[in-house]
Amino acid sequence: MATARVLKSSILKSGHTSFLLEMPSYRWPTLQSLGLRLLDRSKVFLRRAGTVILLVMVVLWIAAHVPTQNGHAPKIENSLAAPWAAPLSR
């Protein structure tokens, strides 16, 4: 703080100036920029949500087909997915 005080009273001494910030002019987005942004955000959403949806689908498919009975998928009531399917069948 002492250094700032010394510099302000000697080297950085100046008259009172007001702060002026000029804002750039506003421009409406173009259809091309909107389309590219929409495409980019769609890809991000599909990558994030699609991964979760695919993982849940695979887990449910496996649960619905285990344990096999004579090489065939069991009825949903006899599979590992029965606890999830029970509320749906009521």
N, C-alpha and C. Protein backbone atom coordinates (compact mmCIF):
# COMPACT_ATOMS: atom_id res chain seq x y z
N MET A 1 0.82 -1.17 0.00
CA MET A 1 0.00 0.00 0.00
C MET A 1 0.87 1.25 0.00
N ALA A 2 2.01 1.15 0.65
CA ALA A 2 2.91 2.30 0.68
C ALA A 2 3.44 2.58 -0.72
N THR A 3 3.77 1.52 -1.46
CA THR A 3 4.28 1.69 -2.83
C THR A 3 3.21 2.32 -3.71
N ALA A 4 1.98 1.88 -3.58
CA ALA A 4 0.89 2.46 -4.37
C ALA A 4 0.72 3.93 -4.05
N ARG A 5 0.85 4.29 -2.78
CA ARG A 5 0.71 5.70 -2.37
C ARG A 5 1.82 6.55 -2.96
N VAL A 6 3.06 6.04 -2.94
CA VAL A 6 4.19 6.79 -3.50
C VAL A 6 4.04 6.94 -5.00
N LEU A 7 3.68 5.87 -5.70
CA LEU A 7 3.53 5.94 -7.15
C LEU A 7 2.40 6.88 -7.54
N LYS A 8 1.31 6.86 -6.79
CA LYS A 8 0.17 7.71 -7.12
C LYS A 8 0.50 9.20 -6.92
N SER A 9 1.35 9.48 -5.96
CA SER A 9 1.69 10.88 -5.71
C SER A 9 2.84 11.37 -6.58
N SER A 10 3.51 10.47 -7.31
CA SER A 10 4.64 10.92 -8.13
C SER A 10 4.48 10.55 -9.60
N ILE A 11 4.79 9.33 -9.97
CA ILE A 11 4.82 8.91 -11.37
C ILE A 11 3.42 8.84 -11.98
N LEU A 12 2.49 8.28 -11.27
CA LEU A 12 1.15 8.07 -11.80
C LEU A 12 0.21 9.25 -11.50
N LYS A 13 0.76 10.38 -11.21
CA LYS A 13 -0.05 11.56 -10.91
C LYS A 13 -0.72 12.06 -12.19
N SER A 14 -2.00 12.21 -12.13
CA SER A 14 -2.72 12.70 -13.31
C SER A 14 -3.97 13.42 -12.84
N GLY A 15 -4.57 14.11 -13.77
CA GLY A 15 -5.80 14.82 -13.46
C GLY A 15 -6.97 13.85 -13.35
N HIS A 16 -8.07 14.32 -12.87
CA HIS A 16 -9.26 13.49 -12.70
C HIS A 16 -9.87 13.19 -14.07
N THR A 17 -9.96 11.91 -14.43
CA THR A 17 -10.58 11.52 -15.68
C THR A 17 -11.76 10.60 -15.38
N SER A 18 -12.77 10.73 -16.17
CA SER A 18 -13.93 9.86 -15.97
C SER A 18 -13.75 8.58 -16.77
N PHE A 19 -14.33 7.52 -16.25
CA PHE A 19 -14.24 6.22 -16.91
C PHE A 19 -15.34 6.12 -17.95
N LEU A 20 -14.96 5.79 -19.18
CA LEU A 20 -15.92 5.68 -20.26
C LEU A 20 -15.71 4.35 -20.95
N LEU A 21 -16.76 3.54 -20.98
CA LEU A 21 -16.69 2.24 -21.63
C LEU A 21 -17.67 2.26 -22.79
N GLU A 22 -17.14 2.05 -23.97
CA GLU A 22 -18.00 2.07 -25.16
C GLU A 22 -18.42 0.65 -25.49
N MET A 23 -19.72 0.45 -25.58
CA MET A 23 -20.26 -0.86 -25.88
C MET A 23 -20.34 -1.04 -27.40
N PRO A 24 -20.02 -2.24 -27.88
CA PRO A 24 -20.14 -2.47 -29.32
C PRO A 24 -21.61 -2.47 -29.73
N SER A 25 -21.84 -2.20 -30.99
CA SER A 25 -23.22 -2.19 -31.47
C SER A 25 -23.77 -3.61 -31.50
N TYR A 26 -25.05 -3.76 -31.20
CA TYR A 26 -25.69 -5.07 -31.16
C TYR A 26 -26.01 -5.52 -32.58
N ARG A 27 -25.76 -6.79 -32.84
CA ARG A 27 -26.09 -7.37 -34.14
C ARG A 27 -26.96 -8.59 -33.92
N TRP A 28 -28.01 -8.71 -34.73
CA TRP A 28 -28.86 -9.88 -34.67
C TRP A 28 -28.08 -11.09 -35.18
N PRO A 29 -28.27 -12.26 -34.56
CA PRO A 29 -27.57 -13.45 -35.05
C PRO A 29 -28.09 -13.85 -36.42
N THR A 30 -27.20 -14.40 -37.22
CA THR A 30 -27.59 -14.85 -38.55
C THR A 30 -28.21 -16.24 -38.45
N LEU A 31 -28.95 -16.62 -39.47
CA LEU A 31 -29.54 -17.96 -39.48
C LEU A 31 -28.46 -19.04 -39.48
N GLN A 32 -27.36 -18.77 -40.15
CA GLN A 32 -26.27 -19.74 -40.20
C GLN A 32 -25.68 -19.94 -38.80
N SER A 33 -25.43 -18.86 -38.07
CA SER A 33 -24.85 -19.00 -36.73
C SER A 33 -25.84 -19.69 -35.78
N LEU A 34 -27.14 -19.38 -35.93
CA LEU A 34 -28.14 -20.05 -35.11
C LEU A 34 -28.20 -21.55 -35.43
N GLY A 35 -28.15 -21.89 -36.71
CA GLY A 35 -28.18 -23.29 -37.11
C GLY A 35 -26.97 -24.06 -36.62
N LEU A 36 -25.79 -23.45 -36.72
CA LEU A 36 -24.58 -24.12 -36.24
C LEU A 36 -24.60 -24.30 -34.73
N ARG A 37 -25.09 -23.30 -34.03
CA ARG A 37 -25.19 -23.40 -32.57
C ARG A 37 -26.19 -24.49 -32.17
N LEU A 38 -27.32 -24.54 -32.86
CA LEU A 38 -28.33 -25.56 -32.59
C LEU A 38 -27.77 -26.96 -32.87
N LEU A 39 -27.06 -27.11 -33.95
CA LEU A 39 -26.46 -28.40 -34.29
C LEU A 39 -25.43 -28.82 -33.24
N ASP A 40 -24.61 -27.88 -32.81
CA ASP A 40 -23.59 -28.17 -31.81
C ASP A 40 -24.22 -28.58 -30.48
N ARG A 41 -25.22 -27.83 -30.03
CA ARG A 41 -25.87 -28.15 -28.76
C ARG A 41 -26.64 -29.47 -28.83
N SER A 42 -27.20 -29.77 -30.01
CA SER A 42 -27.90 -31.05 -30.19
C SER A 42 -26.93 -32.21 -30.06
N LYS A 43 -25.75 -32.08 -30.66
CA LYS A 43 -24.74 -33.13 -30.56
C LYS A 43 -24.31 -33.34 -29.11
N VAL A 44 -24.12 -32.26 -28.38
CA VAL A 44 -23.73 -32.36 -26.97
C VAL A 44 -24.83 -33.06 -26.17
N PHE A 45 -26.09 -32.67 -26.41
CA PHE A 45 -27.20 -33.29 -25.68
C PHE A 45 -27.29 -34.78 -26.00
N LEU A 46 -27.21 -35.13 -27.26
CA LEU A 46 -27.32 -36.54 -27.64
C LEU A 46 -26.16 -37.36 -27.07
N ARG A 47 -24.99 -36.77 -27.03
CA ARG A 47 -23.84 -37.48 -26.47
C ARG A 47 -24.04 -37.73 -24.98
N ARG A 48 -24.51 -36.71 -24.26
CA ARG A 48 -24.68 -36.87 -22.81
C ARG A 48 -25.91 -37.71 -22.46
N ALA A 49 -27.06 -37.34 -22.98
CA ALA A 49 -28.30 -38.06 -22.65
C ALA A 49 -28.33 -39.42 -23.32
N GLY A 50 -27.84 -39.51 -24.54
CA GLY A 50 -27.85 -40.78 -25.26
C GLY A 50 -27.03 -41.84 -24.57
N THR A 51 -25.93 -41.45 -23.96
CA THR A 51 -25.10 -42.40 -23.23
C THR A 51 -25.87 -42.98 -22.05
N VAL A 52 -26.54 -42.13 -21.30
CA VAL A 52 -27.31 -42.60 -20.14
C VAL A 52 -28.49 -43.47 -20.60
N ILE A 53 -29.20 -43.03 -21.61
CA ILE A 53 -30.35 -43.78 -22.11
C ILE A 53 -29.92 -45.15 -22.63
N LEU A 54 -28.84 -45.20 -23.38
CA LEU A 54 -28.34 -46.47 -23.90
C LEU A 54 -27.93 -47.40 -22.77
N LEU A 55 -27.25 -46.88 -21.77
CA LEU A 55 -26.81 -47.70 -20.64
C LEU A 55 -28.01 -48.28 -19.89
N VAL A 56 -29.03 -47.48 -19.64
CA VAL A 56 -30.22 -47.96 -18.94
C VAL A 56 -30.94 -49.01 -19.79
N MET A 57 -31.03 -48.79 -21.10
CA MET A 57 -31.68 -49.76 -21.98
C MET A 57 -30.96 -51.11 -21.95
N VAL A 58 -29.65 -51.08 -21.98
CA VAL A 58 -28.88 -52.32 -21.96
C VAL A 58 -29.07 -53.06 -20.64
N VAL A 59 -29.04 -52.32 -19.53
CA VAL A 59 -29.23 -52.96 -18.22
C VAL A 59 -30.62 -53.56 -18.12
N LEU A 60 -31.65 -52.86 -18.58
CA LEU A 60 -33.01 -53.40 -18.52
C LEU A 60 -33.18 -54.59 -19.46
N TRP A 61 -32.56 -54.54 -20.63
CA TRP A 61 -32.65 -55.66 -21.57
C TRP A 61 -32.01 -56.91 -20.95
N ILE A 62 -30.85 -56.73 -20.35
CA ILE A 62 -30.18 -57.87 -19.72
C ILE A 62 -31.02 -58.40 -18.56
N ALA A 63 -31.57 -57.49 -17.74
CA ALA A 63 -32.40 -57.93 -16.61
C ALA A 63 -33.65 -58.65 -17.08
N ALA A 64 -34.20 -58.27 -18.22
CA ALA A 64 -35.41 -58.93 -18.72
C ALA A 64 -35.11 -60.29 -19.34
N HIS A 65 -33.87 -60.55 -19.70
CA HIS A 65 -33.52 -61.82 -20.36
C HIS A 65 -32.72 -62.77 -19.47
N VAL A 66 -32.55 -62.45 -18.21
CA VAL A 66 -31.80 -63.32 -17.28
C VAL A 66 -32.75 -63.74 -16.18
N PRO A 67 -32.79 -64.91 -15.71
CA PRO A 67 -32.09 -66.10 -16.19
C PRO A 67 -32.83 -66.73 -17.37
N THR A 68 -32.08 -67.28 -18.27
CA THR A 68 -32.71 -67.91 -19.45
C THR A 68 -33.34 -69.24 -19.05
N GLN A 69 -34.37 -69.61 -19.74
CA GLN A 69 -35.05 -70.89 -19.51
C GLN A 69 -35.04 -71.66 -20.81
N ASN A 70 -34.25 -72.70 -20.85
CA ASN A 70 -34.09 -73.54 -22.04
C ASN A 70 -33.60 -72.71 -23.24
N GLY A 71 -32.74 -71.78 -22.99
CA GLY A 71 -32.18 -70.97 -24.07
C GLY A 71 -33.07 -69.85 -24.55
N HIS A 72 -34.21 -69.64 -23.90
CA HIS A 72 -35.14 -68.58 -24.28
C HIS A 72 -35.28 -67.58 -23.14
N ALA A 73 -35.70 -66.39 -23.50
CA ALA A 73 -35.94 -65.37 -22.49
C ALA A 73 -37.15 -65.76 -21.66
N PRO A 74 -37.10 -65.55 -20.35
CA PRO A 74 -38.24 -65.92 -19.49
C PRO A 74 -39.36 -64.88 -19.60
N LYS A 75 -40.52 -65.23 -19.05
CA LYS A 75 -41.58 -64.23 -18.94
C LYS A 75 -41.07 -63.13 -18.02
N ILE A 76 -41.59 -61.95 -18.20
CA ILE A 76 -41.09 -60.81 -17.44
C ILE A 76 -41.26 -61.02 -15.93
N GLU A 77 -42.30 -61.78 -15.53
CA GLU A 77 -42.53 -62.03 -14.10
C GLU A 77 -41.44 -62.91 -13.49
N ASN A 78 -40.76 -63.70 -14.32
CA ASN A 78 -39.73 -64.62 -13.83
C ASN A 78 -38.31 -64.10 -14.07
N SER A 79 -38.16 -62.92 -14.54
CA SER A 79 -36.83 -62.39 -14.84
C SER A 79 -36.33 -61.49 -13.72
N LEU A 80 -35.12 -61.00 -13.87
CA LEU A 80 -34.56 -60.07 -12.89
C LEU A 80 -35.25 -58.71 -12.94
N ALA A 81 -35.95 -58.43 -14.02
CA ALA A 81 -36.65 -57.16 -14.18
C ALA A 81 -38.03 -57.17 -13.54
N ALA A 82 -38.41 -58.25 -12.90
CA ALA A 82 -39.75 -58.36 -12.31
C ALA A 82 -40.06 -57.25 -11.31
N PRO A 83 -39.13 -56.86 -10.43
CA PRO A 83 -39.46 -55.76 -9.50
C PRO A 83 -39.79 -54.45 -10.21
N TRP A 84 -39.19 -54.19 -11.36
CA TRP A 84 -39.46 -52.95 -12.10
C TRP A 84 -40.75 -53.10 -12.91
N ALA A 85 -41.06 -54.31 -13.34
CA ALA A 85 -42.23 -54.52 -14.19
C ALA A 85 -43.51 -54.65 -13.38
N ALA A 86 -43.42 -55.02 -12.12
CA ALA A 86 -44.59 -55.24 -11.29
C ALA A 86 -45.48 -53.98 -11.19
N PRO A 87 -44.94 -52.79 -10.95
CA PRO A 87 -45.82 -51.61 -10.88
C PRO A 87 -46.48 -51.29 -12.23
N LEU A 88 -45.86 -51.68 -13.33
CA LEU A 88 -46.42 -51.40 -14.65
C LEU A 88 -47.58 -52.31 -14.99
N SER A 89 -47.60 -53.54 -14.44
CA SER A 89 -48.64 -54.50 -14.82
C SER A 89 -49.92 -54.35 -14.00
N ARG A 90 -49.92 -53.50 -13.01
CA ARG A 90 -51.12 -53.32 -12.18
C ARG A 90 -52.16 -52.49 -12.85
